[in-house]
PDB file of N, CA and C in Angstrom:
ATOM      1  N   UNK A   1     116.789  -9.244 208.935  1.00  0.00           N
ATOM      2  CA  UNK A   1     117.025 -10.278 207.946  1.00  0.00           C
ATOM      3  C   UNK A   1     118.219 -11.120 208.375  1.00  0.00           C
ATOM      4  N   UNK A   2     118.232 -12.339 207.930  1.00  0.00           N
ATOM      5  CA  UNK A   2     119.343 -13.217 208.241  1.00  0.00           C
ATOM      6  C   UNK A   2     120.500 -12.918 207.296  1.00  0.00           C
ATOM      7  N   UNK A   3     121.609 -13.596 207.503  1.00  0.00           N
ATOM      8  CA  UNK A   3     122.793 -13.369 206.677  1.00  0.00           C
ATOM      9  C   UNK A   3     122.560 -13.755 205.220  1.00  0.00           C
ATOM     10  N   UNK A   4     121.664 -14.708 204.959  1.00  0.00           N
ATOM     11  CA  UNK A   4     121.403 -15.128 203.587  1.00  0.00           C
ATOM     12  C   UNK A   4     120.456 -14.182 202.860  1.00  0.00           C
ATOM     13  N   UNK A   5     119.920 -13.190 203.546  1.00  0.00           N
ATOM     14  CA  UNK A   5     119.028 -12.225 202.926  1.00  0.00           C
ATOM     15  C   UNK A   5     117.562 -12.590 203.039  1.00  0.00           C
ATOM     16  N   UNK A   6     117.248 -13.776 203.540  1.00  0.00           N
ATOM     17  CA  UNK A   6     115.854 -14.183 203.717  1.00  0.00           C
ATOM     18  C   UNK A   6     115.343 -13.647 205.051  1.00  0.00           C
ATOM     19  N   UNK A   7     114.091 -13.226 205.105  1.00  0.00           N
ATOM     20  CA  UNK A   7     113.552 -12.764 206.385  1.00  0.00           C
ATOM     21  C   UNK A   7     113.428 -13.928 207.369  1.00  0.00           C
ATOM     22  N   UNK A   8     113.655 -13.624 208.641  1.00  0.00           N
ATOM     23  CA  UNK A   8     113.533 -14.635 209.693  1.00  0.00           C
ATOM     24  C   UNK A   8     112.078 -14.837 210.068  1.00  0.00           C
ATOM     25  N   UNK A   9     111.719 -16.064 210.375  1.00  0.00           N
ATOM     26  CA  UNK A   9     110.379 -16.350 210.883  1.00  0.00           C
ATOM     27  C   UNK A   9     110.304 -15.910 212.334  1.00  0.00           C
ATOM     28  N   UNK A  10     109.147 -15.427 212.768  1.00  0.00           N
ATOM     29  CA  UNK A  10     109.004 -15.045 214.177  1.00  0.00           C
ATOM     30  C   UNK A  10     109.228 -16.247 215.090  1.00  0.00           C
ATOM     31  N   UNK A  11     109.820 -15.998 216.239  1.00  0.00           N
ATOM     32  CA  UNK A  11     110.130 -17.048 217.211  1.00  0.00           C
ATOM     33  C   UNK A  11     109.054 -17.065 218.278  1.00  0.00           C
ATOM     34  N   UNK A  12     108.581 -18.259 218.621  1.00  0.00           N
ATOM     35  CA  UNK A  12     107.582 -18.428 219.685  1.00  0.00           C
ATOM     36  C   UNK A  12     108.279 -18.510 221.040  1.00  0.00           C
ATOM     37  N   UNK A  13     107.595 -18.125 222.109  1.00  0.00           N
ATOM     38  CA  UNK A  13     108.210 -18.231 223.432  1.00  0.00           C
ATOM     39  C   UNK A  13     108.418 -19.692 223.813  1.00  0.00           C
ATOM     40  N   UNK A  14     109.493 -19.951 224.522  1.00  0.00           N
ATOM     41  CA  UNK A  14     109.783 -21.320 224.956  1.00  0.00           C
ATOM     42  C   UNK A  14     109.374 -21.543 226.409  1.00  0.00           C
ATOM     43  N   UNK A  15     108.943 -20.503 227.092  1.00  0.00           N
ATOM     44  CA  UNK A  15     108.532 -20.613 228.479  1.00  0.00           C
ATOM     45  C   UNK A  15     108.091 -19.252 228.978  1.00  0.00           C
ATOM     46  N   UNK A  16     107.788 -19.180 230.253  1.00  0.00           N
ATOM     47  CA  UNK A  16     107.371 -17.901 230.833  1.00  0.00           C
ATOM     48  C   UNK A  16     107.834 -17.813 232.278  1.00  0.00           C
ATOM     49  N   UNK A  17     107.961 -16.599 232.748  1.00  0.00           N
ATOM     50  CA  UNK A  17     108.261 -16.330 234.147  1.00  0.00           C
ATOM     51  C   UNK A  17     107.317 -15.231 234.608  1.00  0.00           C
ATOM     52  N   UNK A  18     107.044 -15.208 235.883  1.00  0.00           N
ATOM     53  CA  UNK A  18     106.181 -14.190 236.457  1.00  0.00           C
ATOM     54  C   UNK A  18     107.065 -13.272 237.295  1.00  0.00           C
ATOM     55  N   UNK A  19     107.001 -11.991 236.999  1.00  0.00           N
ATOM     56  CA  UNK A  19     107.847 -11.009 237.668  1.00  0.00           C
ATOM     57  C   UNK A  19     107.005 -10.218 238.669  1.00  0.00           C
ATOM     58  N   UNK A  20     107.538 -10.096 239.879  1.00  0.00           N
ATOM     59  CA  UNK A  20     106.893  -9.315 240.932  1.00  0.00           C
ATOM     60  C   UNK A  20     107.737  -8.077 241.204  1.00  0.00           C
ATOM     61  N   UNK A  21     107.064  -6.958 241.457  1.00  0.00           N
ATOM     62  CA  UNK A  21     107.747  -5.699 241.741  1.00  0.00           C
ATOM     63  C   UNK A  21     107.668  -5.407 243.233  1.00  0.00           C
ATOM     64  N   UNK A  22     108.819  -5.160 243.838  1.00  0.00           N
ATOM     65  CA  UNK A  22     108.907  -4.838 245.258  1.00  0.00           C
ATOM     66  C   UNK A  22     109.447  -3.421 245.404  1.00  0.00           C
ATOM     67  N   UNK A  23     108.762  -2.542 246.145  1.00  0.00           N
ATOM     68  CA  UNK A  23     109.282  -1.184 246.323  1.00  0.00           C
ATOM     69  C   UNK A  23     110.454  -1.176 247.309  1.00  0.00           C
ATOM     70  N   UNK A  24     111.538  -0.565 246.912  1.00  0.00           N
ATOM     71  CA  UNK A  24     112.694  -0.443 247.800  1.00  0.00           C
ATOM     72  C   UNK A  24     112.309   0.491 248.951  1.00  0.00           C
ATOM     73  N   UNK A  25     112.529   0.076 250.202  1.00  0.00           N
ATOM     74  CA  UNK A  25     112.155   0.932 251.327  1.00  0.00           C
ATOM     75  C   UNK A  25     113.065   2.157 251.480  1.00  0.00           C
ATOM     76  N   UNK A  26     114.179   2.183 250.756  1.00  0.00           N
ATOM     77  CA  UNK A  26     115.120   3.300 250.868  1.00  0.00           C
ATOM     78  C   UNK A  26     114.913   4.351 249.776  1.00  0.00           C
ATOM     79  N   UNK A  27     114.843   3.906 248.512  1.00  0.00           N
ATOM     80  CA  UNK A  27     114.725   4.863 247.408  1.00  0.00           C
ATOM     81  C   UNK A  27     113.370   4.806 246.705  1.00  0.00           C
ATOM     82  N   UNK A  28     112.513   3.868 247.099  1.00  0.00           N
ATOM     83  CA  UNK A  28     111.147   3.695 246.583  1.00  0.00           C
ATOM     84  C   UNK A  28     111.069   3.241 245.131  1.00  0.00           C
ATOM     85  N   UNK A  29     112.177   2.790 244.575  1.00  0.00           N
ATOM     86  CA  UNK A  29     112.161   2.261 243.216  1.00  0.00           C
ATOM     87  C   UNK A  29     111.489   0.901 243.220  1.00  0.00           C
ATOM     88  N   UNK A  30     110.684   0.580 242.197  1.00  0.00           N
ATOM     89  CA  UNK A  30     110.071  -0.747 242.073  1.00  0.00           C
ATOM     90  C   UNK A  30     111.121  -1.690 241.500  1.00  0.00           C
ATOM     91  N   UNK A  31     111.526  -2.657 242.309  1.00  0.00           N
ATOM     92  CA  UNK A  31     112.587  -3.576 241.922  1.00  0.00           C
ATOM     93  C   UNK A  31     111.951  -4.895 241.467  1.00  0.00           C
ATOM     94  N   UNK A  32     112.230  -5.341 240.237  1.00  0.00           N
ATOM     95  CA  UNK A  32     111.622  -6.579 239.733  1.00  0.00           C
ATOM     96  C   UNK A  32     112.377  -7.827 240.189  1.00  0.00           C
ATOM     97  N   UNK A  33     111.610  -8.858 240.550  1.00  0.00           N
ATOM     98  CA  UNK A  33     112.176 -10.163 240.901  1.00  0.00           C
ATOM     99  C   UNK A  33     111.310 -11.245 240.276  1.00  0.00           C
ATOM    100  N   UNK A  34     111.949 -12.301 239.789  1.00  0.00           N
ATOM    101  CA  UNK A  34     111.239 -13.413 239.170  1.00  0.00           C
ATOM    102  C   UNK A  34     110.720 -14.325 240.274  1.00  0.00           C
ATOM    103  N   UNK A  35     109.423 -14.289 240.495  1.00  0.00           N
ATOM    104  CA  UNK A  35     108.695 -15.152 241.430  1.00  0.00           C
ATOM    105  C   UNK A  35     109.519 -15.629 242.622  1.00  0.00           C
ATOM    106  N   UNK A  36     109.874 -14.728 243.545  1.00  0.00           N
ATOM    107  CA  UNK A  36     110.641 -15.160 244.719  1.00  0.00           C
ATOM    108  C   UNK A  36     109.767 -15.988 245.660  1.00  0.00           C
ATOM    109  N   UNK A  37     110.078 -17.263 245.826  1.00  0.00           N
ATOM    110  CA  UNK A  37     109.243 -18.160 246.633  1.00  0.00           C
ATOM    111  C   UNK A  37     109.828 -18.438 248.015  1.00  0.00           C
ATOM    112  N   UNK A  38     110.912 -17.761 248.355  1.00  0.00           N
ATOM    113  CA  UNK A  38     111.511 -17.905 249.685  1.00  0.00           C
ATOM    114  C   UNK A  38     111.805 -16.522 250.256  1.00  0.00           C
ATOM    115  N   UNK A  39     111.697 -16.374 251.579  1.00  0.00           N
ATOM    116  CA  UNK A  39     112.041 -15.076 252.169  1.00  0.00           C
ATOM    117  C   UNK A  39     113.559 -14.890 252.136  1.00  0.00           C
ATOM    118  N   UNK A  40     114.003 -13.867 251.467  1.00  0.00           N
ATOM    119  CA  UNK A  40     115.438 -13.608 251.329  1.00  0.00           C
ATOM    120  C   UNK A  40     115.700 -12.111 251.438  1.00  0.00           C
ATOM    121  N   UNK A  41     116.973 -11.784 251.568  1.00  0.00           N
ATOM    122  CA  UNK A  41     117.424 -10.400 251.494  1.00  0.00           C
ATOM    123  C   UNK A  41     117.788 -10.147 250.037  1.00  0.00           C
ATOM    124  N   UNK A  42     117.304  -9.043 249.492  1.00  0.00           N
ATOM    125  CA  UNK A  42     117.597  -8.698 248.102  1.00  0.00           C
ATOM    126  C   UNK A  42     118.267  -7.334 248.068  1.00  0.00           C
ATOM    127  N   UNK A  43     118.877  -7.030 246.923  1.00  0.00           N
ATOM    128  CA  UNK A  43     119.559  -5.756 246.778  1.00  0.00           C
ATOM    129  C   UNK A  43     118.855  -4.911 245.728  1.00  0.00           C
ATOM    130  N   UNK A  44     118.613  -3.674 246.060  1.00  0.00           N
ATOM    131  CA  UNK A  44     118.017  -2.739 245.111  1.00  0.00           C
ATOM    132  C   UNK A  44     119.030  -2.478 243.995  1.00  0.00           C
ATOM    133  N   UNK A  45     118.564  -2.510 242.760  1.00  0.00           N
ATOM    134  CA  UNK A  45     119.493  -2.293 241.654  1.00  0.00           C
ATOM    135  C   UNK A  45     119.784  -0.815 241.418  1.00  0.00           C
ATOM    136  N   UNK A  46     119.126   0.056 242.172  1.00  0.00           N
ATOM    137  CA  UNK A  46     119.364   1.485 242.029  1.00  0.00           C
ATOM    138  C   UNK A  46     120.271   2.020 243.146  1.00  0.00           C
ATOM    139  N   UNK A  47     119.842   1.857 244.403  1.00  0.00           N
ATOM    140  CA  UNK A  47     120.617   2.398 245.527  1.00  0.00           C
ATOM    141  C   UNK A  47     121.572   1.374 246.142  1.00  0.00           C
ATOM    142  N   UNK A  48     121.466   0.117 245.739  1.00  0.00           N
ATOM    143  CA  UNK A  48     122.365  -0.972 246.182  1.00  0.00           C
ATOM    144  C   UNK A  48     122.209  -1.339 247.660  1.00  0.00           C
ATOM    145  N   UNK A  49     121.132  -0.923 248.297  1.00  0.00           N
ATOM    146  CA  UNK A  49     120.908  -1.302 249.697  1.00  0.00           C
ATOM    147  C   UNK A  49     120.110  -2.601 249.746  1.00  0.00           C
ATOM    148  N   UNK A  50     120.322  -3.378 250.792  1.00  0.00           N
ATOM    149  CA  UNK A  50     119.652  -4.665 250.972  1.00  0.00           C
ATOM    150  C   UNK A  50     118.391  -4.496 251.808  1.00  0.00           C
ATOM    151  N   UNK A  51     117.376  -5.314 251.470  1.00  0.00           N
ATOM    152  CA  UNK A  51     116.140  -5.313 252.250  1.00  0.00           C
ATOM    153  C   UNK A  51     115.474  -6.687 252.109  1.00  0.00           C
ATOM    154  N   UNK A  52     114.696  -7.095 253.140  1.00  0.00           N
ATOM    155  CA  UNK A  52     114.013  -8.391 253.075  1.00  0.00           C
ATOM    156  C   UNK A  52     112.710  -8.276 252.282  1.00  0.00           C
ATOM    157  N   UNK A  53     112.326  -9.380 251.628  1.00  0.00           N
ATOM    158  CA  UNK A  53     111.063  -9.394 250.880  1.00  0.00           C
ATOM    159  C   UNK A  53     110.160 -10.509 251.396  1.00  0.00           C
ATOM    160  N   UNK A  54     108.883 -10.321 251.190  1.00  0.00           N
ATOM    161  CA  UNK A  54     107.885 -11.341 251.500  1.00  0.00           C
ATOM    162  C   UNK A  54     107.771 -12.230 250.266  1.00  0.00           C
ATOM    163  N   UNK A  55     107.900 -13.552 250.425  1.00  0.00           N
ATOM    164  CA  UNK A  55     107.829 -14.430 249.251  1.00  0.00           C
ATOM    165  C   UNK A  55     106.408 -14.576 248.714  1.00  0.00           C
ATOM    166  N   UNK A  56     106.320 -15.021 247.461  1.00  0.00           N
ATOM    167  CA  UNK A  56     105.021 -15.306 246.852  1.00  0.00           C
ATOM    168  C   UNK A  56     104.731 -16.800 246.985  1.00  0.00           C
ATOM    169  N   UNK A  57     103.480 -17.155 246.824  1.00  0.00           N
ATOM    170  CA  UNK A  57     103.054 -18.542 246.959  1.00  0.00           C
ATOM    171  C   UNK A  57     103.493 -19.358 245.734  1.00  0.00           C
ATOM    172  N   UNK A  58     104.329 -20.346 245.948  1.00  0.00           N
ATOM    173  CA  UNK A  58     104.848 -21.168 244.857  1.00  0.00           C
ATOM    174  C   UNK A  58     103.731 -21.927 244.138  1.00  0.00           C
ATOM    175  N   UNK A  59     102.703 -22.346 244.867  1.00  0.00           N
ATOM    176  CA  UNK A  59     101.587 -23.057 244.246  1.00  0.00           C
ATOM    177  C   UNK A  59     100.839 -22.161 243.263  1.00  0.00           C
ATOM    178  N   UNK A  60     100.686 -20.892 243.607  1.00  0.00           N
ATOM    179  CA  UNK A  60     100.005 -19.964 242.719  1.00  0.00           C
ATOM    180  C   UNK A  60     100.824 -19.719 241.440  1.00  0.00           C
ATOM    181  N   UNK A  61     102.128 -19.603 241.584  1.00  0.00           N
ATOM    182  CA  UNK A  61     102.998 -19.422 240.419  1.00  0.00           C
ATOM    183  C   UNK A  61     102.894 -20.639 239.497  1.00  0.00           C
ATOM    184  N   UNK A  62     102.930 -21.837 240.070  1.00  0.00           N
ATOM    185  CA  UNK A  62     102.793 -23.056 239.253  1.00  0.00           C
ATOM    186  C   UNK A  62     101.424 -23.121 238.591  1.00  0.00           C
ATOM    187  N   UNK A  63     100.368 -22.675 239.296  1.00  0.00           N
ATOM    188  CA  UNK A  63      99.022 -22.647 238.737  1.00  0.00           C
ATOM    189  C   UNK A  63      98.962 -21.756 237.496  1.00  0.00           C
ATOM    190  N   UNK A  64      99.507 -20.537 237.604  1.00  0.00           N
ATOM    191  CA  UNK A  64      99.522 -19.626 236.449  1.00  0.00           C
ATOM    192  C   UNK A  64     100.269 -20.234 235.275  1.00  0.00           C
ATOM    193  N   UNK A  65     101.410 -20.826 235.553  1.00  0.00           N
ATOM    194  CA  UNK A  65     102.192 -21.432 234.468  1.00  0.00           C
ATOM    195  C   UNK A  65     101.444 -22.606 233.844  1.00  0.00           C
ATOM    196  N   UNK A  66     100.748 -23.385 234.649  1.00  0.00           N
ATOM    197  CA  UNK A  66      99.978 -24.509 234.128  1.00  0.00           C
ATOM    198  C   UNK A  66      98.798 -24.015 233.296  1.00  0.00           C
ATOM    199  N   UNK A  67      98.075 -23.028 233.816  1.00  0.00           N
ATOM    200  CA  UNK A  67      96.909 -22.512 233.098  1.00  0.00           C
ATOM    201  C   UNK A  67      97.289 -21.863 231.763  1.00  0.00           C
ATOM    202  N   UNK A  68      98.460 -21.287 231.684  1.00  0.00           N
ATOM    203  CA  UNK A  68      98.908 -20.648 230.445  1.00  0.00           C
ATOM    204  C   UNK A  68      99.838 -21.549 229.634  1.00  0.00           C
ATOM    205  N   UNK A  69      99.900 -22.824 229.996  1.00  0.00           N
ATOM    206  CA  UNK A  69     100.733 -23.808 229.291  1.00  0.00           C
ATOM    207  C   UNK A  69     102.156 -23.282 229.129  1.00  0.00           C
ATOM    208  N   UNK A  70     102.693 -22.735 230.211  1.00  0.00           N
ATOM    209  CA  UNK A  70     104.047 -22.191 230.251  1.00  0.00           C
ATOM    210  C   UNK A  70     104.278 -21.139 229.164  1.00  0.00           C
ATOM    211  N   UNK A  71     103.247 -20.362 228.869  1.00  0.00           N
ATOM    212  CA  UNK A  71     103.351 -19.260 227.926  1.00  0.00           C
ATOM    213  C   UNK A  71     102.747 -19.513 226.566  1.00  0.00           C
ATOM    214  N   UNK A  72     102.500 -20.743 226.218  1.00  0.00           N
ATOM    215  CA  UNK A  72     101.988 -21.066 224.883  1.00  0.00           C
ATOM    216  C   UNK A  72     100.561 -20.544 224.667  1.00  0.00           C
ATOM    217  N   UNK A  73      99.746 -20.523 225.712  1.00  0.00           N
ATOM    218  CA  UNK A  73      98.374 -20.038 225.577  1.00  0.00           C
ATOM    219  C   UNK A  73      98.327 -18.531 225.325  1.00  0.00           C
ATOM    220  N   UNK A  74      99.377 -17.823 225.690  1.00  0.00           N
ATOM    221  CA  UNK A  74      99.397 -16.377 225.516  1.00  0.00           C
ATOM    222  C   UNK A  74      99.541 -15.955 224.054  1.00  0.00           C
ATOM    223  N   UNK A  75     100.019 -16.844 223.194  1.00  0.00           N
ATOM    224  CA  UNK A  75     100.205 -16.480 221.785  1.00  0.00           C
ATOM    225  C   UNK A  75      99.181 -17.140 220.870  1.00  0.00           C
ATOM    226  N   UNK A  76      98.415 -18.084 221.391  1.00  0.00           N
ATOM    227  CA  UNK A  76      97.458 -18.825 220.562  1.00  0.00           C
ATOM    228  C   UNK A  76      96.039 -18.506 221.003  1.00  0.00           C
ATOM    229  N   UNK A  77      95.276 -17.705 220.251  1.00  0.00           N
ATOM    230  CA  UNK A  77      93.918 -17.340 220.682  1.00  0.00           C
ATOM    231  C   UNK A  77      92.960 -18.534 220.721  1.00  0.00           C
ATOM    232  N   UNK A  78      93.264 -19.602 220.032  1.00  0.00           N
ATOM    233  CA  UNK A  78      92.408 -20.799 220.025  1.00  0.00           C
ATOM    234  C   UNK A  78      92.897 -21.881 220.979  1.00  0.00           C
ATOM    235  N   UNK A  79      93.756 -21.528 221.944  1.00  0.00           N
ATOM    236  CA  UNK A  79      94.350 -22.523 222.831  1.00  0.00           C
ATOM    237  C   UNK A  79      93.303 -23.271 223.631  1.00  0.00           C
ATOM    238  N   UNK A  80      92.320 -22.553 224.173  1.00  0.00           N
ATOM    239  CA  UNK A  80      91.311 -23.186 225.012  1.00  0.00           C
ATOM    240  C   UNK A  80      90.236 -23.685 224.146  1.00  0.00           C
TER     241      UNK A  80
END
């Protein structure tokens, strides 16, 4: 409830991101990254070791976001 005692209305998403999981080659933990579109060195959030990742296709990420209207289609069953 809000400070005035009235219930809050549910909030709609304002956008979306696509998360990819990369297995750490050292500790095998699945490390999440938000659509990495460039080859970079990343750090495992568990063992803190660095490793290179293969990037994802930026065009495919944009396609998903376009098809889902940046997240709006995911909450509206009558979107299409």
